C-alpha atoms as a PDB file:
ATOM      1  CA  UNK A   1     -20.278  10.803  -7.586  1.00  0.00           C
ATOM      2  CA  UNK A   2     -16.911  10.063  -9.207  1.00  0.00           C
ATOM      3  CA  UNK A   3     -14.039   8.045  -7.825  1.00  0.00           C
ATOM      4  CA  UNK A   4     -10.339   8.672  -8.366  1.00  0.00           C
ATOM      5  CA  UNK A   5      -7.186   6.814  -7.396  1.00  0.00           C
ATOM      6  CA  UNK A   6      -3.548   7.457  -6.645  1.00  0.00           C
ATOM      7  CA  UNK A   7      -1.242   4.487  -6.248  1.00  0.00           C
ATOM      8  CA  UNK A   8       2.296   4.938  -5.012  1.00  0.00           C
ATOM      9  CA  UNK A   9       5.191   2.843  -3.861  1.00  0.00           C
ATOM     10  CA  UNK A  10       6.437   3.486  -0.351  1.00  0.00           C
ATOM     11  CA  UNK A  11       9.874   2.925   1.094  1.00  0.00           C
ATOM     12  CA  UNK A  12      11.309   3.065   4.615  1.00  0.00           C
ATOM     13  CA  UNK A  13      14.523   4.381   3.043  1.00  0.00           C
ATOM     14  CA  UNK A  14      13.128   7.591   1.574  1.00  0.00           C
ATOM     15  CA  UNK A  15      14.327   9.749   4.479  1.00  0.00           C
ATOM     16  CA  UNK A  16      17.684   8.073   5.107  1.00  0.00           C
ATOM     17  CA  UNK A  17      19.184   6.875   1.815  1.00  0.00           C
ATOM     18  CA  UNK A  18      19.908   9.162  -1.128  1.00  0.00           C
ATOM     19  CA  UNK A  19      19.587   7.459  -4.523  1.00  0.00           C
ATOM     20  CA  UNK A  20      21.973   8.176  -7.370  1.00  0.00           C
ATOM     21  CA  UNK A  21      21.620  10.799 -10.085  1.00  0.00           C
ATOM     22  CA  UNK A  22      18.350  12.622 -10.623  1.00  0.00           C
ATOM     23  CA  UNK A  23      16.213   9.923  -9.008  1.00  0.00           C
ATOM     24  CA  UNK A  24      15.171  12.002  -6.018  1.00  0.00           C
ATOM     25  CA  UNK A  25      14.144  14.916  -8.252  1.00  0.00           C
ATOM     26  CA  UNK A  26      12.174  12.612 -10.555  1.00  0.00           C
ATOM     27  CA  UNK A  27      10.282  11.035  -7.647  1.00  0.00           C
ATOM     28  CA  UNK A  28       9.594  14.452  -6.121  1.00  0.00           C
ATOM     29  CA  UNK A  29       8.208  15.682  -9.441  1.00  0.00           C
ATOM     30  CA  UNK A  30       5.954  12.642  -9.752  1.00  0.00           C
ATOM     31  CA  UNK A  31       4.599  13.167  -6.248  1.00  0.00           C
ATOM     32  CA  UNK A  32       4.035  16.856  -7.039  1.00  0.00           C
ATOM     33  CA  UNK A  33       1.981  15.807 -10.040  1.00  0.00           C
ATOM     34  CA  UNK A  34      -0.004  13.410  -7.852  1.00  0.00           C
ATOM     35  CA  UNK A  35      -0.600  16.154  -5.263  1.00  0.00           C
ATOM     36  CA  UNK A  36      -1.911  18.443  -7.995  1.00  0.00           C
ATOM     37  CA  UNK A  37      -4.194  15.653  -9.202  1.00  0.00           C
ATOM     38  CA  UNK A  38      -5.574  15.176  -5.688  1.00  0.00           C
ATOM     39  CA  UNK A  39      -6.080  18.918  -5.243  1.00  0.00           C
ATOM     40  CA  UNK A  40      -7.952  19.164  -8.545  1.00  0.00           C
ATOM     41  CA  UNK A  41     -10.150  16.194  -7.650  1.00  0.00           C
ATOM     42  CA  UNK A  42     -11.020  17.716  -4.256  1.00  0.00           C
ATOM     43  CA  UNK A  43     -11.844  14.522  -2.348  1.00  0.00           C
ATOM     44  CA  UNK A  44     -13.906  14.699   0.791  1.00  0.00           C
ATOM     45  CA  UNK A  45     -12.867  11.153   1.748  1.00  0.00           C
ATOM     46  CA  UNK A  46      -9.614   9.253   1.175  1.00  0.00           C
ATOM     47  CA  UNK A  47      -9.687   5.453   1.374  1.00  0.00           C
ATOM     48  CA  UNK A  48      -6.152   4.242   2.077  1.00  0.00           C
ATOM     49  CA  UNK A  49      -5.471   0.665   0.962  1.00  0.00           C
ATOM     50  CA  UNK A  50      -2.136  -0.465   2.372  1.00  0.00           C
ATOM     51  CA  UNK A  51      -0.192  -3.328   3.939  1.00  0.00           C
ATOM     52  CA  UNK A  52       1.454  -3.613   7.333  1.00  0.00           C
ATOM     53  CA  UNK A  53       5.034  -4.621   8.121  1.00  0.00           C
ATOM     54  CA  UNK A  54       4.542  -6.419  11.453  1.00  0.00           C
ATOM     55  CA  UNK A  55       3.736  -3.235  13.311  1.00  0.00           C
ATOM     56  CA  UNK A  56      -0.014  -3.606  13.685  1.00  0.00           C
ATOM     57  CA  UNK A  57      -0.958  -7.017  12.289  1.00  0.00           C
ATOM     58  CA  UNK A  58       0.669 -10.184  13.639  1.00  0.00           C
ATOM     59  CA  UNK A  59       0.325 -13.929  13.365  1.00  0.00           C
ATOM     60  CA  UNK A  60      -1.660 -14.156  16.582  1.00  0.00           C
ATOM     61  CA  UNK A  61      -4.528 -13.076  14.337  1.00  0.00           C
ATOM     62  CA  UNK A  62      -3.652 -12.238  10.726  1.00  0.00           C
ATOM     63  CA  UNK A  63      -6.673 -11.265   8.600  1.00  0.00           C
ATOM     64  CA  UNK A  64      -6.428 -11.135   4.820  1.00  0.00           C
ATOM     65  CA  UNK A  65      -8.383  -7.845   4.845  1.00  0.00           C
ATOM     66  CA  UNK A  66      -9.342  -5.447   7.626  1.00  0.00           C
ATOM     67  CA  UNK A  67     -11.133  -2.084   7.751  1.00  0.00           C
ATOM     68  CA  UNK A  68     -10.312   0.273  10.593  1.00  0.00           C
ATOM     69  CA  UNK A  69     -13.013   2.377  12.223  1.00  0.00           C
ATOM     70  CA  UNK A  70     -10.222   4.040  14.212  1.00  0.00           C
ATOM     71  CA  UNK A  71      -6.479   3.969  13.584  1.00  0.00           C
ATOM     72  CA  UNK A  72      -3.187   5.134  15.078  1.00  0.00           C
ATOM     73  CA  UNK A  73       0.177   5.285  13.302  1.00  0.00           C
ATOM     74  CA  UNK A  74       3.298   4.021  15.063  1.00  0.00           C
ATOM     75  CA  UNK A  75       5.614   6.634  13.536  1.00  0.00           C
ATOM     76  CA  UNK A  76       8.214   4.309  12.045  1.00  0.00           C
ATOM     77  CA  UNK A  77      10.933   5.355   9.592  1.00  0.00           C
ATOM     78  CA  UNK A  78      10.452   9.074  10.146  1.00  0.00           C
ATOM     79  CA  UNK A  79       6.697   9.137   9.517  1.00  0.00           C
ATOM     80  CA  UNK A  80       4.167  10.796  11.765  1.00  0.00           C
ATOM     81  CA  UNK A  81       2.765   9.087  14.853  1.00  0.00           C
ATOM     82  CA  UNK A  82      -0.717   9.353  16.308  1.00  0.00           C
ATOM     83  CA  UNK A  83      -4.332   9.071  15.218  1.00  0.00           C
ATOM     84  CA  UNK A  84      -5.557   9.204  11.652  1.00  0.00           C
ATOM     85  CA  UNK A  85      -8.720  11.219  10.999  1.00  0.00           C
ATOM     86  CA  UNK A  86     -10.871   8.142  10.410  1.00  0.00           C
ATOM     87  CA  UNK A  87     -14.422   8.731   9.202  1.00  0.00           C
ATOM     88  CA  UNK A  88     -16.118   6.153  11.418  1.00  0.00           C
ATOM     89  CA  UNK A  89     -19.488   6.322   9.671  1.00  0.00           C
ATOM     90  CA  UNK A  90     -17.918   5.768   6.253  1.00  0.00           C
ATOM     91  CA  UNK A  91     -15.729   2.957   7.601  1.00  0.00           C
ATOM     92  CA  UNK A  92     -18.710   1.170   9.149  1.00  0.00           C
ATOM     93  CA  UNK A  93     -20.618   1.585   5.882  1.00  0.00           C
ATOM     94  CA  UNK A  94     -17.749  -0.053   4.013  1.00  0.00           C
ATOM     95  CA  UNK A  95     -17.658  -2.943   6.482  1.00  0.00           C
ATOM     96  CA  UNK A  96     -21.399  -3.562   6.247  1.00  0.00           C
ATOM     97  CA  UNK A  97     -21.475  -3.381   2.461  1.00  0.00           C
ATOM     98  CA  UNK A  98     -18.459  -5.628   1.897  1.00  0.00           C
ATOM     99  CA  UNK A  99     -19.687  -8.270   4.307  1.00  0.00           C
ATOM    100  CA  UNK A 100     -23.123  -8.170   2.703  1.00  0.00           C
ATOM    101  CA  UNK A 101     -21.605  -8.924  -0.700  1.00  0.00           C
ATOM    102  CA  UNK A 102     -19.692 -11.937   0.579  1.00  0.00           C
ATOM    103  CA  UNK A 103     -16.249 -10.419   1.144  1.00  0.00           C
ATOM    104  CA  UNK A 104     -14.768 -11.864   4.318  1.00  0.00           C
ATOM    105  CA  UNK A 105     -12.944  -9.124   6.181  1.00  0.00           C
ATOM    106  CA  UNK A 106     -12.194  -8.087   9.724  1.00  0.00           C
ATOM    107  CA  UNK A 107     -13.089  -4.810  11.417  1.00  0.00           C
ATOM    108  CA  UNK A 108     -10.836  -3.052  13.896  1.00  0.00           C
ATOM    109  CA  UNK A 109     -11.837  -0.398  16.406  1.00  0.00           C
ATOM    110  CA  UNK A 110      -8.140   0.017  17.252  1.00  0.00           C
ATOM    111  CA  UNK A 111      -6.141  -0.452  14.070  1.00  0.00           C
ATOM    112  CA  UNK A 112      -2.416   0.172  14.294  1.00  0.00           C
ATOM    113  CA  UNK A 113      -0.778   1.253  11.040  1.00  0.00           C
ATOM    114  CA  UNK A 114       2.778   2.012   9.968  1.00  0.00           C
ATOM    115  CA  UNK A 115       4.631   3.796   7.176  1.00  0.00           C
ATOM    116  CA  UNK A 116       2.627   1.900   4.567  1.00  0.00           C
ATOM    117  CA  UNK A 117      -0.359   4.091   5.480  1.00  0.00           C
ATOM    118  CA  UNK A 118       1.410   7.135   6.894  1.00  0.00           C
ATOM    119  CA  UNK A 119       3.992   7.868   4.194  1.00  0.00           C
ATOM    120  CA  UNK A 120       1.600   8.389   1.257  1.00  0.00           C
ATOM    121  CA  UNK A 121      -0.764  10.472   3.412  1.00  0.00           C
ATOM    122  CA  UNK A 122       2.115  12.740   4.396  1.00  0.00           C
ATOM    123  CA  UNK A 123       3.556  13.003   0.904  1.00  0.00           C
ATOM    124  CA  UNK A 124       0.209  13.778  -0.719  1.00  0.00           C
ATOM    125  CA  UNK A 125      -1.656  15.725   1.993  1.00  0.00           C
ATOM    126  CA  UNK A 126       1.031  16.920   4.402  1.00  0.00           C
ATOM    127  CA  UNK A 127       0.048  14.958   7.510  1.00  0.00           C
ATOM    128  CA  UNK A 128      -1.483  11.655   8.568  1.00  0.00           C
ATOM    129  CA  UNK A 129      -4.576  13.427   9.904  1.00  0.00           C
ATOM    130  CA  UNK A 130      -5.002  16.031   7.163  1.00  0.00           C
ATOM    131  CA  UNK A 131      -7.999  14.377   5.476  1.00  0.00           C
ATOM    132  CA  UNK A 132     -10.894  12.128   6.537  1.00  0.00           C
ATOM    133  CA  UNK A 133      -9.857   8.559   5.814  1.00  0.00           C
ATOM    134  CA  UNK A 134     -10.980   4.965   5.813  1.00  0.00           C
ATOM    135  CA  UNK A 135      -7.984   2.646   6.348  1.00  0.00           C
ATOM    136  CA  UNK A 136      -8.177  -0.706   4.551  1.00  0.00           C
ATOM    137  CA  UNK A 137      -5.481  -3.250   5.376  1.00  0.00           C
ATOM    138  CA  UNK A 138      -4.557  -5.851   2.750  1.00  0.00           C
ATOM    139  CA  UNK A 139      -2.160  -8.550   3.935  1.00  0.00           C
ATOM    140  CA  UNK A 140       0.794  -8.465   1.573  1.00  0.00           C
ATOM    141  CA  UNK A 141       3.677  -9.824   3.655  1.00  0.00           C
ATOM    142  CA  UNK A 142       2.525 -12.590   5.980  1.00  0.00           C
ATOM    143  CA  UNK A 143       2.277 -15.917   4.176  1.00  0.00           C
ATOM    144  CA  UNK A 144       0.124 -17.788   3.401  1.00  0.00           C
ATOM    145  CA  UNK A 145      -1.822 -15.499   1.085  1.00  0.00           C
ATOM    146  CA  UNK A 146      -5.218 -16.029  -0.437  1.00  0.00           C
ATOM    147  CA  UNK A 147      -5.582 -15.994  -4.239  1.00  0.00           C
ATOM    148  CA  UNK A 148      -4.966 -12.588  -5.751  1.00  0.00           C
ATOM    149  CA  UNK A 149      -8.413 -12.864  -7.346  1.00  0.00           C
ATOM    150  CA  UNK A 150      -9.889 -12.326  -3.886  1.00  0.00           C
ATOM    151  CA  UNK A 151      -8.172  -8.949  -3.716  1.00  0.00           C
ATOM    152  CA  UNK A 152      -9.680  -7.929  -7.046  1.00  0.00           C
ATOM    153  CA  UNK A 153     -13.129  -8.915  -5.787  1.00  0.00           C
ATOM    154  CA  UNK A 154     -12.507  -6.949  -2.593  1.00  0.00           C
ATOM    155  CA  UNK A 155     -11.733  -3.905  -4.724  1.00  0.00           C
ATOM    156  CA  UNK A 156     -14.863  -4.293  -6.820  1.00  0.00           C
ATOM    157  CA  UNK A 157     -17.047  -4.551  -3.715  1.00  0.00           C
ATOM    158  CA  UNK A 158     -15.230  -1.574  -2.207  1.00  0.00           C
ATOM    159  CA  UNK A 159     -15.923   0.488  -5.320  1.00  0.00           C
ATOM    160  CA  UNK A 160     -19.639  -0.285  -5.204  1.00  0.00           C
ATOM    161  CA  UNK A 161     -19.774   0.607  -1.516  1.00  0.00           C
ATOM    162  CA  UNK A 162     -18.017   3.928  -2.112  1.00  0.00           C
ATOM    163  CA  UNK A 163     -20.275   4.882  -5.006  1.00  0.00           C
ATOM    164  CA  UNK A 164     -23.234   4.371  -2.670  1.00  0.00           C
ATOM    165  CA  UNK A 165     -21.788   6.987  -0.310  1.00  0.00           C
ATOM    166  CA  UNK A 166     -22.379   9.667  -2.977  1.00  0.00           C
ATOM    167  CA  UNK A 167     -19.156  11.487  -2.057  1.00  0.00           C
ATOM    168  CA  UNK A 168     -15.973  12.480  -3.836  1.00  0.00           C
ATOM    169  CA  UNK A 169     -13.741   9.578  -2.848  1.00  0.00           C
ATOM    170  CA  UNK A 170     -10.046   9.210  -3.601  1.00  0.00           C
ATOM    171  CA  UNK A 171      -8.572   5.728  -3.293  1.00  0.00           C
ATOM    172  CA  UNK A 172      -4.937   5.688  -2.214  1.00  0.00           C
ATOM    173  CA  UNK A 173      -3.071   2.434  -2.861  1.00  0.00           C
ATOM    174  CA  UNK A 174       0.294   2.063  -1.127  1.00  0.00           C
ATOM    175  CA  UNK A 175       3.101  -0.413  -1.834  1.00  0.00           C
ATOM    176  CA  UNK A 176       5.021  -2.313  -4.488  1.00  0.00           C
ATOM    177  CA  UNK A 177       6.272  -2.751  -7.005  1.00  0.00           C
ATOM    178  CA  UNK A 178       8.942  -5.464  -7.365  1.00  0.00           C
ATOM    179  CA  UNK A 179      11.035  -5.530  -4.193  1.00  0.00           C
ATOM    180  CA  UNK A 180      12.436  -7.889  -1.615  1.00  0.00           C
ATOM    181  CA  UNK A 181      13.660  -6.017   1.479  1.00  0.00           C
ATOM    182  CA  UNK A 182      15.231  -7.824   4.444  1.00  0.00           C
ATOM    183  CA  UNK A 183      12.047  -8.828   6.270  1.00  0.00           C
ATOM    184  CA  UNK A 184      11.816 -11.946   8.441  1.00  0.00           C
ATOM    185  CA  UNK A 185       9.540 -14.889   7.700  1.00  0.00           C
ATOM    186  CA  UNK A 186       7.820 -17.077  10.251  1.00  0.00           C
ATOM    187  CA  UNK A 187       8.854 -20.381   8.749  1.00  0.00           C
ATOM    188  CA  UNK A 188      12.310 -21.303  10.025  1.00  0.00           C
ATOM    189  CA  UNK A 189      12.650 -18.173  12.154  1.00  0.00           C
ATOM    190  CA  UNK A 190      14.634 -18.335  15.398  1.00  0.00           C
ATOM    191  CA  UNK A 191      12.354 -18.460  18.458  1.00  0.00           C
ATOM    192  CA  UNK A 192      12.865 -14.801  19.364  1.00  0.00           C
ATOM    193  CA  UNK A 193      12.061 -13.668  15.803  1.00  0.00           C
ATOM    194  CA  UNK A 194       9.038 -15.965  15.595  1.00  0.00           C
ATOM    195  CA  UNK A 195       7.742 -14.538  18.874  1.00  0.00           C
ATOM    196  CA  UNK A 196       7.968 -11.014  17.430  1.00  0.00           C
ATOM    197  CA  UNK A 197       6.101 -12.026  14.284  1.00  0.00           C
ATOM    198  CA  UNK A 198       3.362 -13.663  16.334  1.00  0.00           C
ATOM    199  CA  UNK A 199       2.813 -10.885  18.872  1.00  0.00           C
ATOM    200  CA  UNK A 200       5.523  -8.230  18.633  1.00  0.00           C
ATOM    201  CA  UNK A 201       3.463  -5.182  19.523  1.00  0.00           C
ATOM    202  CA  UNK A 202       4.941  -2.196  21.326  1.00  0.00           C
ATOM    203  CA  UNK A 203       8.666  -2.772  20.781  1.00  0.00           C
ATOM    204  CA  UNK A 204      11.075  -0.761  22.871  1.00  0.00           C
ATOM    205  CA  UNK A 205      12.682   2.279  21.217  1.00  0.00           C
ATOM    206  CA  UNK A 206      15.941   0.327  21.052  1.00  0.00           C
ATOM    207  CA  UNK A 207      14.269  -2.638  19.351  1.00  0.00           C
ATOM    208  CA  UNK A 208      12.596  -0.390  16.773  1.00  0.00           C
ATOM    209  CA  UNK A 209      15.840   1.475  16.119  1.00  0.00           C
ATOM    210  CA  UNK A 210      17.713  -1.790  15.539  1.00  0.00           C
ATOM    211  CA  UNK A 211      15.052  -3.001  13.149  1.00  0.00           C
ATOM    212  CA  UNK A 212      15.106   0.225  11.173  1.00  0.00           C
ATOM    213  CA  UNK A 213      18.904   0.219  11.100  1.00  0.00           C
ATOM    214  CA  UNK A 214      18.939  -3.188   9.406  1.00  0.00           C
ATOM    215  CA  UNK A 215      16.751  -1.908   6.582  1.00  0.00           C
ATOM    216  CA  UNK A 216      18.735   1.346   6.297  1.00  0.00           C
ATOM    217  CA  UNK A 217      22.017  -0.553   6.123  1.00  0.00           C
ATOM    218  CA  UNK A 218      20.668  -2.664   3.252  1.00  0.00           C
ATOM    219  CA  UNK A 219      19.987   0.493   1.247  1.00  0.00           C
ATOM    220  CA  UNK A 220      23.331   2.074   2.121  1.00  0.00           C
ATOM    221  CA  UNK A 221      25.093  -1.095   0.998  1.00  0.00           C
ATOM    222  CA  UNK A 222      23.624  -0.608  -2.462  1.00  0.00           C
ATOM    223  CA  UNK A 223      24.771   3.019  -2.477  1.00  0.00           C
ATOM    224  CA  UNK A 224      28.264   1.762  -1.596  1.00  0.00           C
ATOM    225  CA  UNK A 225      28.276  -0.487  -4.638  1.00  0.00           C
ATOM    226  CA  UNK A 226      27.194  -3.843  -3.249  1.00  0.00           C
ATOM    227  CA  UNK A 227      24.610  -5.828  -5.236  1.00  0.00           C
ATOM    228  CA  UNK A 228      21.116  -5.066  -4.012  1.00  0.00           C
ATOM    229  CA  UNK A 229      17.988  -7.169  -3.813  1.00  0.00           C
ATOM    230  CA  UNK A 230      16.709  -8.094  -7.258  1.00  0.00           C
ATOM    231  CA  UNK A 231      14.185  -5.836  -8.964  1.00  0.00           C
ATOM    232  CA  UNK A 232      12.193  -6.732 -12.078  1.00  0.00           C
ATOM    233  CA  UNK A 233      11.407  -3.647 -14.192  1.00  0.00           C
ATOM    234  CA  UNK A 234       9.848  -5.758 -16.957  1.00  0.00           C
ATOM    235  CA  UNK A 235       7.380  -7.261 -14.482  1.00  0.00           C
ATOM    236  CA  UNK A 236       6.643  -3.841 -13.024  1.00  0.00           C
ATOM    237  CA  UNK A 237       5.942  -2.258 -16.399  1.00  0.00           C
ATOM    238  CA  UNK A 238       3.734  -5.174 -17.435  1.00  0.00           C
ATOM    239  CA  UNK A 239       1.708  -4.684 -14.264  1.00  0.00           C
ATOM    240  CA  UNK A 240       1.340  -0.955 -14.953  1.00  0.00           C
ATOM    241  CA  UNK A 241       0.159  -1.780 -18.482  1.00  0.00           C
ATOM    242  CA  UNK A 242      -2.410  -4.219 -17.079  1.00  0.00           C
ATOM    243  CA  UNK A 243      -3.861  -1.451 -14.908  1.00  0.00           C
ATOM    244  CA  UNK A 244      -3.874   1.149 -17.670  1.00  0.00           C
ATOM    245  CA  UNK A 245      -5.544  -1.212 -20.119  1.00  0.00           C
ATOM    246  CA  UNK A 246      -8.240  -2.241 -17.617  1.00  0.00           C
ATOM    247  CA  UNK A 247      -7.228  -5.917 -17.833  1.00  0.00           C
ATOM    248  CA  UNK A 248      -7.515  -6.517 -14.115  1.00  0.00           C
ATOM    249  CA  UNK A 249      -9.006  -9.994 -14.387  1.00  0.00           C
ATOM    250  CA  UNK A 250      -5.814 -11.134 -16.129  1.00  0.00           C
ATOM    251  CA  UNK A 251      -4.161 -11.152 -12.695  1.00  0.00           C
ATOM    252  CA  UNK A 252      -6.546 -13.914 -11.584  1.00  0.00           C
ATOM    253  CA  UNK A 253      -4.239 -16.475 -13.167  1.00  0.00           C
ATOM    254  CA  UNK A 254      -1.211 -15.359 -11.154  1.00  0.00           C
ATOM    255  CA  UNK A 255      -0.131 -17.710  -8.403  1.00  0.00           C
ATOM    256  CA  UNK A 256       1.412 -16.421  -5.221  1.00  0.00           C
ATOM    257  CA  UNK A 257       4.554 -18.468  -5.834  1.00  0.00           C
ATOM    258  CA  UNK A 258       4.885 -16.937  -9.303  1.00  0.00           C
ATOM    259  CA  UNK A 259       4.616 -13.378  -7.948  1.00  0.00           C
ATOM    260  CA  UNK A 260       7.323 -14.095  -5.382  1.00  0.00           C
ATOM    261  CA  UNK A 261       9.619 -15.739  -7.918  1.00  0.00           C
ATOM    262  CA  UNK A 262       9.225 -12.972 -10.482  1.00  0.00           C
ATOM    263  CA  UNK A 263       9.212  -9.871  -8.325  1.00  0.00           C
ATOM    264  CA  UNK A 264      10.196 -10.654  -4.733  1.00  0.00           C
ATOM    265  CA  UNK A 265       8.553 -11.490  -1.443  1.00  0.00           C
ATOM    266  CA  UNK A 266       7.180  -7.982  -0.920  1.00  0.00           C
ATOM    267  CA  UNK A 267       5.853  -7.590  -4.463  1.00  0.00           C
ATOM    268  CA  UNK A 268       2.551  -8.883  -3.099  1.00  0.00           C
ATOM    269  CA  UNK A 269       1.943  -5.274  -2.052  1.00  0.00           C
ATOM    270  CA  UNK A 270       0.690  -4.686  -5.605  1.00  0.00           C
ATOM    271  CA  UNK A 271      -2.550  -6.154  -4.258  1.00  0.00           C
ATOM    272  CA  UNK A 272      -3.271  -2.680  -2.892  1.00  0.00           C
ATOM    273  CA  UNK A 273      -2.981  -1.198  -6.392  1.00  0.00           C
ATOM    274  CA  UNK A 274      -5.153  -3.938  -7.859  1.00  0.00           C
ATOM    275  CA  UNK A 275      -7.833  -3.315  -5.228  1.00  0.00           C
ATOM    276  CA  UNK A 276      -7.890   0.423  -5.971  1.00  0.00           C
ATOM    277  CA  UNK A 277      -8.161  -0.047  -9.709  1.00  0.00           C
ATOM    278  CA  UNK A 278     -10.829  -2.722  -9.276  1.00  0.00           C
ATOM    279  CA  UNK A 279     -12.781  -0.221  -7.180  1.00  0.00           C
ATOM    280  CA  UNK A 280     -12.486   2.334  -9.989  1.00  0.00           C
ATOM    281  CA  UNK A 281     -13.587  -0.235 -12.529  1.00  0.00           C
ATOM    282  CA  UNK A 282     -16.657  -1.100 -10.471  1.00  0.00           C
ATOM    283  CA  UNK A 283     -17.663   2.572 -10.615  1.00  0.00           C
ATOM    284  CA  UNK A 284     -17.331   2.749 -14.403  1.00  0.00           C
ATOM    285  CA  UNK A 285     -14.703   3.049 -17.125  1.00  0.00           C
ATOM    286  CA  UNK A 286     -11.568   4.780 -15.928  1.00  0.00           C
ATOM    287  CA  UNK A 287      -8.608   6.590 -17.433  1.00  0.00           C
ATOM    288  CA  UNK A 288      -5.039   6.644 -16.140  1.00  0.00           C
ATOM    289  CA  UNK A 289      -3.978  10.291 -16.056  1.00  0.00           C
ATOM    290  CA  UNK A 290      -0.300   9.816 -15.195  1.00  0.00           C
ATOM    291  CA  UNK A 291       2.113   6.954 -14.682  1.00  0.00           C
ATOM    292  CA  UNK A 292       5.641   7.205 -13.311  1.00  0.00           C
ATOM    293  CA  UNK A 293       8.085   4.339 -12.947  1.00  0.00           C
ATOM    294  CA  UNK A 294      11.728   3.964 -12.079  1.00  0.00           C
ATOM    295  CA  UNK A 295      13.666   1.045 -10.573  1.00  0.00           C
ATOM    296  CA  UNK A 296      15.490   2.384  -7.500  1.00  0.00           C
ATOM    297  CA  UNK A 297      17.929  -0.193  -6.088  1.00  0.00           C
ATOM    298  CA  UNK A 298      18.982   2.145  -3.282  1.00  0.00           C
ATOM    299  CA  UNK A 299      15.386   2.118  -2.024  1.00  0.00           C
ATOM    300  CA  UNK A 300      15.056  -1.632  -2.714  1.00  0.00           C
ATOM    301  CA  UNK A 301      12.012  -1.016  -4.901  1.00  0.00           C
ATOM    302  CA  UNK A 302      10.665  -0.750  -8.358  1.00  0.00           C
ATOM    303  CA  UNK A 303       9.077   2.634  -7.655  1.00  0.00           C
ATOM    304  CA  UNK A 304       5.828   3.683  -9.284  1.00  0.00           C
ATOM    305  CA  UNK A 305       3.177   6.392  -8.946  1.00  0.00           C
ATOM    306  CA  UNK A 306      -0.073   6.503 -10.928  1.00  0.00           C
ATOM    307  CA  UNK A 307      -3.184   8.652 -10.976  1.00  0.00           C
ATOM    308  CA  UNK A 308      -6.530   7.650 -12.473  1.00  0.00           C
ATOM    309  CA  UNK A 309     -10.202   8.563 -12.360  1.00  0.00           C
ATOM    310  CA  UNK A 310     -13.523   7.367 -13.613  1.00  0.00           C
ATOM    311  CA  UNK A 311     -14.263   8.918 -16.975  1.00  0.00           C
ATOM    312  CA  UNK A 312     -17.488  10.556 -15.909  1.00  0.00           C
ATOM    313  CA  UNK A 313     -15.439  12.740 -13.521  1.00  0.00           C
ATOM    314  CA  UNK A 314     -13.336  14.198 -16.323  1.00  0.00           C
END
């Protein structure tokens, strides 16, 4: 059976900060095109590959990769809260197959996810529980990172496992592109911040509101004319070209320090896109059907949306 993929940037500012000009309309049109692509493909399983932003995964135990056999969303930044419709049998199949091929990953019977998972599900399918899913966490924020090559190999193994399911599977990669929002880092953090990064589960409503306000204020400052975090459209477009031209192994030479220097601390979220395209490539030659890109300083992101499918599904 064929595989398809949608990759999309996410932003905690989508519901609270209005970008300049026709940006909102352009993004809405790109998501409408992606929704039509998903509807035409008619998936019976959606594998969501996404990061976490210290809402579910913490330094008390930070895996590079994790598959959830059950998952609940925290409902941050205006996204839905509650359980995802996780296909437990498919998730367990993915875990078994990836471990058997030498991919070291964790399994969670109680995965907690945030807007990185919830926002694309809502934008593309209307709700976080609208479609059967398998959530796949890829660490993209908490240093140290493994080599990006390991993410490509994860994607290839994931693609082979999904082909074996003999179902219509849509991969949904969430994150990126170049961006550097105001997120804390463990090294050099004050004790109270370090404690939250190590085990900051279940914040109070006031604590969550304060955290979200800091990110919102950073976007509003850009709207007001202050310089925003640096974006790198050239880097973003080169990455999109790499995906479209099926040159995924070229990313193996990228160092983590180089990614950070070129595109920002949170640009490592492009690992989710790389994993999805590597999964497509493992299933056969693929074609990118649409590709949208626009740098959006007000959302602190180089914002992209792509759709692709294996050629035998055309």
